[in-house]
PDB file of N, CA and C in Angstrom:
ATOM      1  N   GLU A   1      27.760  38.912 -17.204  1.00  0.00           N
ATOM      2  CA  GLU A   1      27.825  38.692 -18.636  1.00  0.00           C
ATOM      3  C   GLU A   1      28.245  39.962 -19.372  1.00  0.00           C
ATOM      4  N   THR A   2      27.720  41.102 -18.939  1.00  0.00           N
ATOM      5  CA  THR A   2      28.063  42.344 -19.632  1.00  0.00           C
ATOM      6  C   THR A   2      29.524  42.709 -19.401  1.00  0.00           C
ATOM      7  N   SER A   3      30.018  42.453 -18.180  1.00  0.00           N
ATOM      8  CA  SER A   3      31.422  42.770 -17.905  1.00  0.00           C
ATOM      9  C   SER A   3      32.349  41.838 -18.689  1.00  0.00           C
ATOM     10  N   ILE A   4      31.942  40.605 -18.890  1.00  0.00           N
ATOM     11  CA  ILE A   4      32.747  39.664 -19.668  1.00  0.00           C
ATOM     12  C   ILE A   4      32.839  40.132 -21.118  1.00  0.00           C
ATOM     13  N   LYS A   5      31.702  40.557 -21.676  1.00  0.00           N
ATOM     14  CA  LYS A   5      31.702  41.061 -23.056  1.00  0.00           C
ATOM     15  C   LYS A   5      32.541  42.318 -23.181  1.00  0.00           C
ATOM     16  N   LEU A   6      32.450  43.186 -22.185  1.00  0.00           N
ATOM     17  CA  LEU A   6      33.220  44.430 -22.198  1.00  0.00           C
ATOM     18  C   LEU A   6      34.719  44.147 -22.153  1.00  0.00           C
ATOM     19  N   VAL A   7      35.109  43.205 -21.300  1.00  0.00           N
ATOM     20  CA  VAL A   7      36.529  42.846 -21.205  1.00  0.00           C
ATOM     21  C   VAL A   7      37.005  42.244 -22.522  1.00  0.00           C
ATOM     22  N   GLU A   8      36.188  41.417 -23.147  1.00  0.00           N
ATOM     23  CA  GLU A   8      36.575  40.807 -24.426  1.00  0.00           C
ATOM     24  C   GLU A   8      36.775  41.861 -25.519  1.00  0.00           C
ATOM     25  N   GLU A   9      35.927  42.897 -25.511  1.00  0.00           N
ATOM     26  CA  GLU A   9      36.064  43.958 -26.509  1.00  0.00           C
ATOM     27  C   GLU A   9      37.311  44.812 -26.259  1.00  0.00           C
ATOM     28  N   LEU A  10      37.549  45.172 -24.994  1.00  0.00           N
ATOM     29  CA  LEU A  10      38.684  46.040 -24.660  1.00  0.00           C
ATOM     30  C   LEU A  10      40.011  45.296 -24.601  1.00  0.00           C
ATOM     31  N   ARG A  11      39.975  44.000 -24.660  1.00  0.00           N
ATOM     32  CA  ARG A  11      41.184  43.185 -24.536  1.00  0.00           C
ATOM     33  C   ARG A  11      42.192  43.445 -25.657  1.00  0.00           C
ATOM     34  N   LYS A  12      41.695  43.897 -26.790  1.00  0.00           N
ATOM     35  CA  LYS A  12      42.578  44.166 -27.938  1.00  0.00           C
ATOM     36  C   LYS A  12      43.489  45.366 -27.689  1.00  0.00           C
ATOM     37  N   THR A  13      43.008  46.303 -26.887  1.00  0.00           N
ATOM     38  CA  THR A  13      43.786  47.523 -26.654  1.00  0.00           C
ATOM     39  C   THR A  13      44.483  47.549 -25.295  1.00  0.00           C
ATOM     40  N   MET A  14      43.909  46.877 -24.294  1.00  0.00           N
ATOM     41  CA  MET A  14      44.460  46.900 -22.935  1.00  0.00           C
ATOM     42  C   MET A  14      44.647  45.481 -22.416  1.00  0.00           C
ATOM     43  N   THR A  15      45.380  45.358 -21.333  1.00  0.00           N
ATOM     44  CA  THR A  15      45.519  44.048 -20.697  1.00  0.00           C
ATOM     45  C   THR A  15      44.299  43.771 -19.823  1.00  0.00           C
ATOM     46  N   VAL A  16      44.072  42.499 -19.547  1.00  0.00           N
ATOM     47  CA  VAL A  16      42.926  42.097 -18.730  1.00  0.00           C
ATOM     48  C   VAL A  16      43.050  42.685 -17.324  1.00  0.00           C
ATOM     49  N   GLN A  17      44.280  42.724 -16.802  1.00  0.00           N
ATOM     50  CA  GLN A  17      44.513  43.274 -15.455  1.00  0.00           C
ATOM     51  C   GLN A  17      44.081  44.739 -15.377  1.00  0.00           C
ATOM     52  N   ASP A  18      44.479  45.548 -16.374  1.00  0.00           N
ATOM     53  CA  ASP A  18      44.114  46.967 -16.381  1.00  0.00           C
ATOM     54  C   ASP A  18      42.601  47.165 -16.515  1.00  0.00           C
ATOM     55  N   ILE A  19      41.983  46.368 -17.360  1.00  0.00           N
ATOM     56  CA  ILE A  19      40.529  46.487 -17.563  1.00  0.00           C
ATOM     57  C   ILE A  19      39.798  46.168 -16.259  1.00  0.00           C
ATOM     58  N   CYS A  20      40.240  45.108 -15.573  1.00  0.00           N
ATOM     59  CA  CYS A  20      39.596  44.706 -14.323  1.00  0.00           C
ATOM     60  C   CYS A  20      39.781  45.755 -13.229  1.00  0.00           C
ATOM     61  N   VAL A  21      40.940  46.412 -13.219  1.00  0.00           N
ATOM     62  CA  VAL A  21      41.172  47.479 -12.237  1.00  0.00           C
ATOM     63  C   VAL A  21      40.199  48.630 -12.477  1.00  0.00           C
ATOM     64  N   HIS A  22      40.012  49.015 -13.750  1.00  0.00           N
ATOM     65  CA  HIS A  22      39.098  50.105 -14.089  1.00  0.00           C
ATOM     66  C   HIS A  22      37.639  49.741 -13.797  1.00  0.00           C
ATOM     67  N   LEU A  23      37.289  48.472 -13.993  1.00  0.00           N
ATOM     68  CA  LEU A  23      35.914  48.042 -13.724  1.00  0.00           C
ATOM     69  C   LEU A  23      35.670  47.790 -12.237  1.00  0.00           C
ATOM     70  N   GLY A  24      36.739  47.627 -11.483  1.00  0.00           N
ATOM     71  CA  GLY A  24      36.603  47.389 -10.052  1.00  0.00           C
ATOM     72  C   GLY A  24      36.291  45.951  -9.702  1.00  0.00           C
ATOM     73  N   ILE A  25      36.745  45.033 -10.547  1.00  0.00           N
ATOM     74  CA  ILE A  25      36.555  43.606 -10.258  1.00  0.00           C
ATOM     75  C   ILE A  25      37.927  42.929 -10.231  1.00  0.00           C
ATOM     76  N   LEU A  26      37.987  41.795  -9.569  1.00  0.00           N
ATOM     77  CA  LEU A  26      39.232  41.041  -9.536  1.00  0.00           C
ATOM     78  C   LEU A  26      39.414  40.264 -10.834  1.00  0.00           C
ATOM     79  N   ARG A  27      40.673  40.085 -11.204  1.00  0.00           N
ATOM     80  CA  ARG A  27      40.983  39.360 -12.433  1.00  0.00           C
ATOM     81  C   ARG A  27      40.538  37.904 -12.312  1.00  0.00           C
ATOM     82  N   THR A  28      40.725  37.315 -11.133  1.00  0.00           N
ATOM     83  CA  THR A  28      40.310  35.923 -10.930  1.00  0.00           C
ATOM     84  C   THR A  28      38.789  35.765 -11.042  1.00  0.00           C
ATOM     85  N   SER A  29      38.063  36.791 -10.588  1.00  0.00           N
ATOM     86  CA  SER A  29      36.595  36.751 -10.705  1.00  0.00           C
ATOM     87  C   SER A  29      36.181  36.749 -12.166  1.00  0.00           C
ATOM     88  N   TYR A  30      36.860  37.552 -12.979  1.00  0.00           N
ATOM     89  CA  TYR A  30      36.565  37.604 -14.421  1.00  0.00           C
ATOM     90  C   TYR A  30      36.749  36.225 -15.052  1.00  0.00           C
ATOM     91  N   TYR A  31      37.880  35.580 -14.766  1.00  0.00           N
ATOM     92  CA  TYR A  31      38.144  34.267 -15.354  1.00  0.00           C
ATOM     93  C   TYR A  31      37.186  33.202 -14.823  1.00  0.00           C
ATOM     94  N   ARG A  32      36.796  33.317 -13.556  1.00  0.00           N
ATOM     95  CA  ARG A  32      35.826  32.366 -12.985  1.00  0.00           C
ATOM     96  C   ARG A  32      34.465  32.531 -13.659  1.00  0.00           C
ATOM     97  N   TRP A  33      34.018  33.773 -13.850  1.00  0.00           N
ATOM     98  CA  TRP A  33      32.739  34.029 -14.526  1.00  0.00           C
ATOM     99  C   TRP A  33      32.768  33.513 -15.960  1.00  0.00           C
ATOM    100  N   LYS A  34      33.890  33.729 -16.613  1.00  0.00           N
ATOM    101  CA  LYS A  34      34.027  33.294 -18.003  1.00  0.00           C
ATOM    102  C   LYS A  34      33.953  31.768 -18.094  1.00  0.00           C
ATOM    103  N   LYS A  35      34.607  31.081 -17.156  1.00  0.00           N
ATOM    104  CA  LYS A  35      34.597  29.610 -17.127  1.00  0.00           C
ATOM    105  C   LYS A  35      33.193  29.080 -16.862  1.00  0.00           C
ATOM    106  N   GLU A  36      32.485  29.678 -15.895  1.00  0.00           N
ATOM    107  CA  GLU A  36      31.124  29.251 -15.572  1.00  0.00           C
ATOM    108  C   GLU A  36      30.182  29.447 -16.743  1.00  0.00           C
ATOM    109  N   LEU A  37      30.384  30.527 -17.483  1.00  0.00           N
ATOM    110  CA  LEU A  37      29.539  30.814 -18.638  1.00  0.00           C
ATOM    111  C   LEU A  37      29.704  29.744 -19.710  1.00  0.00           C
ATOM    112  N   THR A  38      30.946  29.342 -19.987  1.00  0.00           N
ATOM    113  CA  THR A  38      31.175  28.309 -21.006  1.00  0.00           C
ATOM    114  C   THR A  38      30.688  26.944 -20.532  1.00  0.00           C
ATOM    115  N   GLN A  39      30.849  26.634 -19.231  1.00  0.00           N
ATOM    116  CA  GLN A  39      30.385  25.349 -18.717  1.00  0.00           C
ATOM    117  C   GLN A  39      28.873  25.252 -18.750  1.00  0.00           C
ATOM    118  N   ASN A  40      28.179  26.336 -18.393  1.00  0.00           N
ATOM    119  CA  ASN A  40      26.718  26.328 -18.430  1.00  0.00           C
ATOM    120  C   ASN A  40      26.214  26.147 -19.850  1.00  0.00           C
ATOM    121  N   HIS A  41      26.909  26.757 -20.817  1.00  0.00           N
ATOM    122  CA  HIS A  41      26.512  26.634 -22.217  1.00  0.00           C
ATOM    123  C   HIS A  41      26.643  25.184 -22.680  1.00  0.00           C
ATOM    124  N   SER A  42      27.765  24.537 -22.340  1.00  0.00           N
ATOM    125  CA  SER A  42      27.965  23.151 -22.762  1.00  0.00           C
ATOM    126  C   SER A  42      26.982  22.218 -22.052  1.00  0.00           C
ATOM    127  N   ARG A  43      26.643  22.518 -20.787  1.00  0.00           N
ATOM    128  CA  ARG A  43      25.686  21.697 -20.046  1.00  0.00           C
ATOM    129  C   ARG A  43      24.296  21.805 -20.671  1.00  0.00           C
ATOM    130  N   ARG A  44      23.910  23.025 -21.046  1.00  0.00           N
ATOM    131  CA  ARG A  44      22.591  23.211 -21.686  1.00  0.00           C
ATOM    132  C   ARG A  44      22.535  22.480 -23.022  1.00  0.00           C
ATOM    133  N   GLN A  45      23.631  22.526 -23.764  1.00  0.00           N
ATOM    134  CA  GLN A  45      23.688  21.847 -25.056  1.00  0.00           C
ATOM    135  C   GLN A  45      23.571  20.329 -24.865  1.00  0.00           C
ATOM    136  N   LEU A  46      24.214  19.805 -23.830  1.00  0.00           N
ATOM    137  CA  LEU A  46      24.139  18.381 -23.529  1.00  0.00           C
ATOM    138  C   LEU A  46      22.721  17.982 -23.128  1.00  0.00           C
ATOM    139  N   GLU A  47      22.064  18.836 -22.331  1.00  0.00           N
ATOM    140  CA  GLU A  47      20.678  18.557 -21.950  1.00  0.00           C
ATOM    141  C   GLU A  47      19.766  18.507 -23.167  1.00  0.00           C
ATOM    142  N   LYS A  48      20.000  19.385 -24.133  1.00  0.00           N
ATOM    143  CA  LYS A  48      19.200  19.366 -25.362  1.00  0.00           C
ATOM    144  C   LYS A  48      19.410  18.063 -26.126  1.00  0.00           C
ATOM    145  N   GLN A  49      20.663  17.601 -26.198  1.00  0.00           N
ATOM    146  CA  GLN A  49      20.949  16.357 -26.916  1.00  0.00           C
ATOM    147  C   GLN A  49      20.281  15.165 -26.244  1.00  0.00           C
ATOM    148  N   VAL A  50      20.356  15.095 -24.917  1.00  0.00           N
ATOM    149  CA  VAL A  50      19.723  13.998 -24.188  1.00  0.00           C
ATOM    150  C   VAL A  50      18.209  14.054 -24.377  1.00  0.00           C
ATOM    151  N   GLY A  51      17.639  15.253 -24.332  1.00  0.00           N
ATOM    152  CA  GLY A  51      16.198  15.413 -24.521  1.00  0.00           C
ATOM    153  C   GLY A  51      15.734  14.982 -25.895  1.00  0.00           C
ATOM    154  N   THR A  52      16.479  15.351 -26.922  1.00  0.00           N
ATOM    155  CA  THR A  52      16.092  14.946 -28.283  1.00  0.00           C
ATOM    156  C   THR A  52      16.208  13.436 -28.458  1.00  0.00           C
ATOM    157  N   LEU A  53      17.237  12.823 -27.856  1.00  0.00           N
ATOM    158  CA  LEU A  53      17.358  11.364 -27.943  1.00  0.00           C
ATOM    159  C   LEU A  53      16.210  10.665 -27.216  1.00  0.00           C
ATOM    160  N   CYS A  54      15.836  11.176 -26.060  1.00  0.00           N
ATOM    161  CA  CYS A  54      14.719  10.574 -25.309  1.00  0.00           C
ATOM    162  C   CYS A  54      13.418  10.677 -26.095  1.00  0.00           C
ATOM    163  N   ARG A  55      13.158  11.842 -26.670  1.00  0.00           N
ATOM    164  CA  ARG A  55      11.934  12.010 -27.462  1.00  0.00           C
ATOM    165  C   ARG A  55      11.971  11.157 -28.728  1.00  0.00           C
ATOM    166  N   LYS A  56      13.137  11.067 -29.347  1.00  0.00           N
ATOM    167  CA  LYS A  56      13.276  10.294 -30.588  1.00  0.00           C
ATOM    168  C   LYS A  56      12.951   8.822 -30.347  1.00  0.00           C
ATOM    169  N   HIS A  57      13.390   8.296 -29.216  1.00  0.00           N
ATOM    170  CA  HIS A  57      13.165   6.887 -28.908  1.00  0.00           C
ATOM    171  C   HIS A  57      11.939   6.673 -28.018  1.00  0.00           C
ATOM    172  N   LYS A  58      11.091   7.695 -27.914  1.00  0.00           N
ATOM    173  CA  LYS A  58       9.805   7.643 -27.206  1.00  0.00           C
ATOM    174  C   LYS A  58       9.945   7.204 -25.760  1.00  0.00           C
ATOM    175  N   TYR A  59      10.994   7.685 -25.103  1.00  0.00           N
ATOM    176  CA  TYR A  59      11.248   7.425 -23.685  1.00  0.00           C
ATOM    177  C   TYR A  59      11.340   5.932 -23.358  1.00  0.00           C
ATOM    178  N   ARG A  60      11.760   5.137 -24.328  1.00  0.00           N
ATOM    179  CA  ARG A  60      11.913   3.696 -24.098  1.00  0.00           C
ATOM    180  C   ARG A  60      13.316   3.348 -23.616  1.00  0.00           C
ATOM    181  N   TYR A  61      14.274   4.236 -23.858  1.00  0.00           N
ATOM    182  CA  TYR A  61      15.661   3.969 -23.483  1.00  0.00           C
ATOM    183  C   TYR A  61      15.971   4.581 -22.127  1.00  0.00           C
ATOM    184  N   GLY A  62      16.733   3.858 -21.330  1.00  0.00           N
ATOM    185  CA  GLY A  62      17.181   4.359 -20.041  1.00  0.00           C
ATOM    186  C   GLY A  62      18.493   5.115 -20.195  1.00  0.00           C
ATOM    187  N   TYR A  63      19.060   5.508 -19.066  1.00  0.00           N
ATOM    188  CA  TYR A  63      20.275   6.324 -19.112  1.00  0.00           C
ATOM    189  C   TYR A  63      21.460   5.552 -19.675  1.00  0.00           C
ATOM    190  N   ARG A  64      21.491   4.225 -19.483  1.00  0.00           N
ATOM    191  CA  ARG A  64      22.615   3.437 -20.009  1.00  0.00           C
ATOM    192  C   ARG A  64      22.626   3.422 -21.533  1.00  0.00           C
ATOM    193  N   LYS A  65      21.465   3.232 -22.114  1.00  0.00           N
ATOM    194  CA  LYS A  65      21.362   3.180 -23.579  1.00  0.00           C
ATOM    195  C   LYS A  65      21.610   4.561 -24.181  1.00  0.00           C
ATOM    196  N   ILE A  66      21.072   5.602 -23.557  1.00  0.00           N
ATOM    197  CA  ILE A  66      21.297   6.972 -24.031  1.00  0.00           C
ATOM    198  C   ILE A  66      22.783   7.308 -23.955  1.00  0.00           C
ATOM    199  N   THR A  67      23.446   6.874 -22.869  1.00  0.00           N
ATOM    200  CA  THR A  67      24.886   7.111 -22.721  1.00  0.00           C
ATOM    201  C   THR A  67      25.659   6.390 -23.817  1.00  0.00           C
ATOM    202  N   ALA A  68      25.264   5.167 -24.130  1.00  0.00           N
ATOM    203  CA  ALA A  68      25.940   4.407 -25.176  1.00  0.00           C
ATOM    204  C   ALA A  68      25.816   5.104 -26.534  1.00  0.00           C
ATOM    205  N   ILE A  69      24.654   5.677 -26.803  1.00  0.00           N
ATOM    206  CA  ILE A  69      24.456   6.407 -28.065  1.00  0.00           C
ATOM    207  C   ILE A  69      25.324   7.657 -28.093  1.00  0.00           C
ATOM    208  N   LEU A  70      25.356   8.390 -26.967  1.00  0.00           N
ATOM    209  CA  LEU A  70      26.153   9.618 -26.900  1.00  0.00           C
ATOM    210  C   LEU A  70      27.655   9.344 -26.953  1.00  0.00           C
ATOM    211  N   LYS A  71      28.081   8.191 -26.423  1.00  0.00           N
ATOM    212  CA  LYS A  71      29.510   7.859 -26.412  1.00  0.00           C
ATOM    213  C   LYS A  71      30.063   7.637 -27.819  1.00  0.00           C
ATOM    214  N   MET A  72      29.194   7.351 -28.768  1.00  0.00           N
ATOM    215  CA  MET A  72      29.638   7.220 -30.159  1.00  0.00           C
ATOM    216  C   MET A  72      30.108   8.568 -30.705  1.00  0.00           C
ATOM    217  N   ARG A  73      29.525   9.644 -30.201  1.00  0.00           N
ATOM    218  CA  ARG A  73      29.837  10.995 -30.685  1.00  0.00           C
ATOM    219  C   ARG A  73      30.838  11.735 -29.808  1.00  0.00           C
ATOM    220  N   MET A  74      30.747  11.536 -28.468  1.00  0.00           N
ATOM    221  CA  MET A  74      31.559  12.326 -27.549  1.00  0.00           C
ATOM    222  C   MET A  74      31.943  11.482 -26.342  1.00  0.00           C
ATOM    223  N   ARG A  75      32.751  12.076 -25.505  1.00  0.00           N
ATOM    224  CA  ARG A  75      33.163  11.430 -24.259  1.00  0.00           C
ATOM    225  C   ARG A  75      32.260  11.936 -23.149  1.00  0.00           C
ATOM    226  N   ILE A  76      31.530  11.020 -22.514  1.00  0.00           N
ATOM    227  CA  ILE A  76      30.563  11.424 -21.503  1.00  0.00           C
ATOM    228  C   ILE A  76      30.433  10.335 -20.443  1.00  0.00           C
ATOM    229  N   ASN A  77      30.129  10.770 -19.226  1.00  0.00           N
ATOM    230  CA  ASN A  77      29.963   9.857 -18.107  1.00  0.00           C
ATOM    231  C   ASN A  77      28.480   9.489 -17.959  1.00  0.00           C
ATOM    232  N   HIS A  78      28.213   8.249 -17.579  1.00  0.00           N
ATOM    233  CA  HIS A  78      26.829   7.799 -17.443  1.00  0.00           C
ATOM    234  C   HIS A  78      26.104   8.504 -16.303  1.00  0.00           C
ATOM    235  N   LYS A  79      26.854   8.919 -15.274  1.00  0.00           N
ATOM    236  CA  LYS A  79      26.222   9.602 -14.139  1.00  0.00           C
ATOM    237  C   LYS A  79      25.678  10.969 -14.555  1.00  0.00           C
ATOM    238  N   THR A  80      26.371  11.632 -15.456  1.00  0.00           N
ATOM    239  CA  THR A  80      25.913  12.928 -15.954  1.00  0.00           C
ATOM    240  C   THR A  80      24.588  12.768 -16.687  1.00  0.00           C
ATOM    241  N   VAL A  81      24.516  11.762 -17.549  1.00  0.00           N
ATOM    242  CA  VAL A  81      23.281  11.503 -18.301  1.00  0.00           C
ATOM    243  C   VAL A  81      22.154  11.140 -17.342  1.00  0.00           C
ATOM    244  N   GLN A  82      22.467  10.328 -16.329  1.00  0.00           N
ATOM    245  CA  GLN A  82      21.449   9.928 -15.355  1.00  0.00           C
ATOM    246  C   GLN A  82      20.912  11.137 -14.594  1.00  0.00           C
ATOM    247  N   ARG A  83      21.804  12.058 -14.194  1.00  0.00           N
ATOM    248  CA  ARG A  83      21.359  13.257 -13.476  1.00  0.00           C
ATOM    249  C   ARG A  83      20.452  14.126 -14.346  1.00  0.00           C
ATOM    250  N   ILE A  84      20.828  14.286 -15.601  1.00  0.00           N
ATOM    251  CA  ILE A  84      20.017  15.101 -16.533  1.00  0.00           C
ATOM    252  C   ILE A  84      18.633  14.474 -16.699  1.00  0.00           C
ATOM    253  N   MET A  85      18.600  13.150 -16.889  1.00  0.00           N
ATOM    254  CA  MET A  85      17.321  12.478 -17.095  1.00  0.00           C
ATOM    255  C   MET A  85      16.451  12.523 -15.843  1.00  0.00           C
ATOM    256  N   GLN A  86      17.054  12.406 -14.660  1.00  0.00           N
ATOM    257  CA  GLN A  86      16.279  12.466 -13.425  1.00  0.00           C
ATOM    258  C   GLN A  86      15.758  13.878 -13.167  1.00  0.00           C
ATOM    259  N   LYS A  87      16.578  14.875 -13.490  1.00  0.00           N
ATOM    260  CA  LYS A  87      16.175  16.266 -13.265  1.00  0.00           C
ATOM    261  C   LYS A  87      14.957  16.622 -14.103  1.00  0.00           C
ATOM    262  N   ASN A  88      14.919  16.145 -15.345  1.00  0.00           N
ATOM    263  CA  ASN A  88      13.827  16.467 -16.260  1.00  0.00           C
ATOM    264  C   ASN A  88      12.734  15.395 -16.306  1.00  0.00           C
ATOM    265  N   GLN A  89      12.841  14.378 -15.447  1.00  0.00           N
ATOM    266  CA  GLN A  89      11.885  13.271 -15.394  1.00  0.00           C
ATOM    267  C   GLN A  89      11.693  12.596 -16.749  1.00  0.00           C
ATOM    268  N   TRP A  90      12.832  12.212 -17.352  1.00  0.00           N
ATOM    269  CA  TRP A  90      12.820  11.502 -18.634  1.00  0.00           C
ATOM    270  C   TRP A  90      13.126  10.023 -18.422  1.00  0.00           C
ATOM    271  N   GLN A  91      12.570   9.429 -17.364  1.00  0.00           N
ATOM    272  CA  GLN A  91      12.840   8.022 -17.103  1.00  0.00           C
ATOM    273  C   GLN A  91      12.203   7.164 -18.187  1.00  0.00           C
ATOM    274  N   CYS A  92      12.817   6.006 -18.398  1.00  0.00           N
ATOM    275  CA  CYS A  92      12.280   5.113 -19.416  1.00  0.00           C
ATOM    276  C   CYS A  92      11.022   4.437 -18.880  1.00  0.00           C
ATOM    277  N   ARG A  93      10.153   4.051 -19.795  1.00  0.00           N
ATOM    278  CA  ARG A  93       8.929   3.370 -19.407  1.00  0.00           C
ATOM    279  C   ARG A  93       9.249   1.894 -19.238  1.00  0.00           C
ATOM    280  N   VAL A  94       8.951   1.365 -18.065  1.00  0.00           N
ATOM    281  CA  VAL A  94       9.291  -0.024 -17.762  1.00  0.00           C
ATOM    282  C   VAL A  94       8.129  -0.922 -18.158  1.00  0.00           C
ATOM    283  N   LYS A  95       8.449  -1.985 -18.900  1.00  0.00           N
ATOM    284  CA  LYS A  95       7.442  -2.944 -19.334  1.00  0.00           C
ATOM    285  C   LYS A  95       7.438  -4.100 -18.339  1.00  0.00           C
ATOM    286  N   MET A  96       6.277  -4.441 -17.807  1.00  0.00           N
ATOM    287  CA  MET A  96       6.173  -5.505 -16.820  1.00  0.00           C
ATOM    288  C   MET A  96       6.443  -6.857 -17.483  1.00  0.00           C
ATOM    289  N   LYS A  97       7.183  -7.703 -16.784  1.00  0.00           N
ATOM    290  CA  LYS A  97       7.487  -9.031 -17.305  1.00  0.00           C
ATOM    291  C   LYS A  97       6.291  -9.944 -17.071  1.00  0.00           C
ATOM    292  N   LYS A  98       5.992 -10.782 -18.069  1.00  0.00           N
ATOM    293  CA  LYS A  98       4.882 -11.720 -17.954  1.00  0.00           C
ATOM    294  C   LYS A  98       5.425 -13.045 -17.428  1.00  0.00           C
ATOM    295  N   ARG A  99       4.731 -13.616 -16.467  1.00  0.00           N
ATOM    296  CA  ARG A  99       5.145 -14.892 -15.890  1.00  0.00           C
ATOM    297  C   ARG A  99       4.023 -15.909 -16.038  1.00  0.00           C
ATOM    298  N   LYS A 100       4.410 -17.123 -16.359  1.00  0.00           N
ATOM    299  CA  LYS A 100       3.418 -18.204 -16.445  1.00  0.00           C
ATOM    300  C   LYS A 100       3.188 -18.765 -15.052  1.00  0.00           C
ATOM    301  N   LYS A 101       1.945 -19.034 -14.746  1.00  0.00           N
ATOM    302  CA  LYS A 101       1.594 -19.563 -13.433  1.00  0.00           C
ATOM    303  C   LYS A 101       1.496 -21.074 -13.495  1.00  0.00           C
ATOM    304  N   ASN A 102       2.636 -21.731 -13.455  1.00  0.00           N
ATOM    305  CA  ASN A 102       2.614 -23.185 -13.409  1.00  0.00           C
ATOM    306  C   ASN A 102       3.379 -23.644 -12.172  1.00  0.00           C
ATOM    307  N   GLY A 103       3.060 -24.803 -11.670  1.00  0.00           N
ATOM    308  CA  GLY A 103       3.696 -25.276 -10.459  1.00  0.00           C
ATOM    309  C   GLY A 103       2.659 -25.859  -9.513  1.00  0.00           C
ATOM    310  N   GLN A 104       3.020 -25.937  -8.297  1.00  0.00           N
ATOM    311  CA  GLN A 104       2.119 -26.566  -7.309  1.00  0.00           C
ATOM    312  C   GLN A 104       1.003 -25.599  -6.904  1.00  0.00           C
ATOM    313  N   PRO A 105      -0.222 -26.138  -6.744  1.00  0.00           N
ATOM    314  CA  PRO A 105      -1.312 -25.281  -6.271  1.00  0.00           C
ATOM    315  C   PRO A 105      -1.101 -24.900  -4.797  1.00  0.00           C
ATOM    316  N   TYR A 106      -1.788 -23.846  -4.357  1.00  0.00           N
ATOM    317  CA  TYR A 106      -1.606 -23.341  -2.996  1.00  0.00           C
ATOM    318  C   TYR A 106      -2.096 -24.356  -1.966  1.00  0.00           C
ATOM    319  N   ALA A 107      -3.301 -24.871  -2.140  1.00  0.00           N
ATOM    320  CA  ALA A 107      -3.864 -25.818  -1.181  1.00  0.00           C
ATOM    321  C   ALA A 107      -3.850 -27.226  -1.788  1.00  0.00           C
ATOM    322  N   VAL A 108      -3.280 -28.165  -1.100  1.00  0.00           N
ATOM    323  CA  VAL A 108      -3.225 -29.542  -1.604  1.00  0.00           C
ATOM    324  C   VAL A 108      -4.548 -30.233  -1.285  1.00  0.00           C
ATOM    325  N   ALA A 109      -5.177 -30.833  -2.326  1.00  0.00           N
ATOM    326  CA  ALA A 109      -6.471 -31.488  -2.144  1.00  0.00           C
ATOM    327  C   ALA A 109      -6.270 -32.965  -1.787  1.00  0.00           C
TER     328      ALA A 109
END
C-alpha cells in the first residue's frame, strides 16, 4: 500500500517504469497490487450493502431477494451475494409450513 501511494505521488514527475526501478519492484507487480486494492475495496463495500439489507429486512430475505433488490441499483451476480451471505452467516430464517392432518387413519378399525 505504501509503495502504491509513493508511485502515485511520484507519477507526476517520473514514469511508472523509472519509479519501479528505483523502488526495486516490477512494474507488473505494481499494477497487480493496485488492481487488488481496488477490487478489495469494492468487495468490502458490497459486503456492507448486503449486510445493511439483511439487517433492514430482519434476515427474512434470502440471497435471491437480496440480489433482486441490489440489481435495481447495480449489476451483480446472485452467486456473489450467496457467497457473501454464507461467509457472514446471514441466512434467511425459514418459516415451517403448516399442514392439515386429514386423510386416512393409520390403523383401520
